[in-house]
Amino acid sequence: MTQKKKVVLAYSGGLDTSVAIKWMQEKHNMDVIALTIDLGTEKDLKPVEEKALKIGAGKSIIIDAKEVFVYYFIFPALQAGALYEKSYLLSTALGRPLIAKLLVDTAMSEGASAVAHG
């Protein structure tokens, strides 16, 4: 029997990524590692981790990336005046490269062959 391939899923705890766990398991026979990245949420992420495991993720990881996000992404963006309509910080867009990097880093450390997001 061949070993299942692993995938690291950027997991938010929402409907889309929760369905994605089961879909990747059932349709693609993959072991799913749910990765939740904290870029500054005020909510407790422990329930998100527990939900991923309850749905069927083989492993659930939370990475606290707030300091890295602020220091390497938010501060430089503010210094550059990167505001939408001169008012709104582009925090969602600024977070995407860091999320991608952490997905790949986690995939490499976990021996996963793929990354996914919802």
Protein backbone atom coordinates (compact mmCIF):
# COMPACT_ATOMS: atom_id res chain seq x y z
CA MET A 1 0.00 0.00 0.00
CA THR A 2 1.33 3.44 -0.90
CA GLN A 3 1.75 6.07 1.75
CA LYS A 4 -0.74 8.94 1.61
CA LYS A 5 0.62 12.27 0.42
CA LYS A 6 0.48 15.13 2.88
CA VAL A 7 -0.92 18.58 2.19
CA VAL A 8 -0.64 21.68 4.37
CA LEU A 9 -3.89 23.65 4.26
CA ALA A 10 -4.09 27.32 5.24
CA TYR A 11 -6.96 26.80 7.67
CA SER A 12 -9.20 29.60 8.93
CA GLY A 13 -11.85 27.51 10.63
CA GLY A 14 -14.49 28.78 8.22
CA LEU A 15 -16.80 26.76 6.01
CA ASP A 16 -14.58 26.65 2.90
CA THR A 17 -11.43 25.39 4.56
CA SER A 18 -13.39 23.02 6.81
CA VAL A 19 -15.00 21.41 3.76
CA ALA A 20 -11.57 21.35 2.08
CA ILE A 21 -10.21 19.06 4.80
CA LYS A 22 -12.77 16.35 4.03
CA TRP A 23 -12.61 16.96 0.28
CA MET A 24 -8.83 16.47 0.13
CA GLN A 25 -9.11 13.36 2.27
CA GLU A 26 -11.98 11.75 0.37
CA LYS A 27 -11.31 12.87 -3.21
CA HIS A 28 -7.51 12.90 -3.19
CA ASN A 29 -6.67 10.44 -0.40
CA MET A 30 -4.39 12.96 1.33
CA ASP A 31 -3.38 13.49 4.94
CA VAL A 32 -4.27 17.08 5.80
CA ILE A 33 -2.24 19.28 8.11
CA ALA A 34 -4.29 22.35 9.06
CA LEU A 35 -2.16 25.47 9.47
CA THR A 36 -3.63 28.54 11.15
CA ILE A 37 -1.48 31.66 11.11
CA ASP A 38 -2.10 34.41 13.65
CA LEU A 39 -1.32 37.77 12.07
CA GLY A 40 -3.02 39.73 14.82
CA THR A 41 -6.44 38.34 15.57
CA GLU A 42 -7.79 39.04 19.00
CA LYS A 43 -9.73 35.79 19.19
CA ASP A 44 -8.51 32.59 20.81
CA LEU A 45 -7.39 30.21 18.07
CA LYS A 46 -7.54 27.05 20.21
CA PRO A 47 -11.15 26.34 19.09
CA VAL A 48 -10.02 26.64 15.45
CA GLU A 49 -7.29 24.08 16.10
CA GLU A 50 -9.76 21.75 17.82
CA LYS A 51 -12.28 22.10 14.98
CA ALA A 52 -9.68 21.09 12.37
CA LEU A 53 -8.84 17.96 14.35
CA LYS A 54 -12.52 17.13 14.93
CA ILE A 55 -13.24 17.40 11.20
CA GLY A 56 -10.38 15.03 10.46
CA ALA A 57 -7.10 16.87 10.00
CA GLY A 58 -4.23 14.61 11.00
CA LYS A 59 -2.49 17.53 12.64
CA SER A 60 -3.34 21.15 13.41
CA ILE A 61 -0.67 23.81 13.82
CA ILE A 62 -1.01 27.42 14.94
CA ILE A 63 1.83 29.83 14.17
CA ASP A 64 2.01 33.17 15.97
CA ALA A 65 3.39 35.43 13.23
CA LYS A 66 2.32 38.80 14.66
CA GLU A 67 5.81 40.13 15.38
CA VAL A 68 7.19 39.13 11.99
CA PHE A 69 4.12 40.56 10.24
CA VAL A 70 4.35 43.92 11.98
CA TYR A 71 8.12 44.30 11.72
CA TYR A 72 8.67 43.12 8.13
CA PHE A 73 5.35 43.97 6.48
CA ILE A 74 3.25 46.55 8.36
CA PHE A 75 6.02 48.98 9.38
CA PRO A 76 7.61 49.09 5.89
CA ALA A 77 4.16 49.56 4.31
CA LEU A 78 3.40 52.46 6.64
CA GLN A 79 6.81 54.01 5.95
CA ALA A 80 6.10 53.74 2.23
CA GLY A 81 2.64 55.28 2.60
CA ALA A 82 0.96 52.14 1.26
CA LEU A 83 -2.64 53.00 2.02
CA TYR A 84 -5.73 52.34 -0.07
CA GLU A 85 -7.48 55.62 -0.88
CA LYS A 86 -5.05 57.29 1.55
CA SER A 87 -6.98 55.82 4.48
CA TYR A 88 -6.91 52.04 4.73
CA LEU A 89 -3.95 49.85 5.58
CA LEU A 90 -3.64 46.95 3.15
CA SER A 91 -3.18 44.37 5.93
CA THR A 92 -5.01 41.52 4.19
CA ALA A 93 -3.00 41.91 1.01
CA LEU A 94 0.21 42.44 2.98
CA GLY A 95 -0.33 39.19 4.87
CA ARG A 96 -0.51 36.98 1.77
CA PRO A 97 3.25 36.67 1.11
CA LEU A 98 3.93 35.78 4.75
CA ILE A 99 1.14 33.20 4.74
CA ALA A 100 2.55 31.65 1.55
CA LYS A 101 6.05 31.51 3.04
CA LEU A 102 4.83 29.89 6.25
CA LEU A 103 2.78 27.36 4.27
CA VAL A 104 5.85 26.33 2.28
CA ASP A 105 8.10 26.28 5.36
CA THR A 106 5.59 24.07 7.19
CA ALA A 107 5.18 21.79 4.18
CA MET A 108 8.92 21.29 4.02
CA SER A 109 9.28 20.61 7.74
CA GLU A 110 6.30 18.21 7.75
CA GLY A 111 7.33 16.36 4.59
CA ALA A 112 4.23 17.48 2.70
CA SER A 113 4.12 17.43 -1.08
CA ALA A 114 1.54 20.20 -1.50
CA VAL A 115 0.04 23.33 0.01
CA ALA A 116 -3.54 24.54 -0.31
CA HIS A 117 -5.77 27.43 0.70
CA GLY A 118 -9.50 28.07 0.65
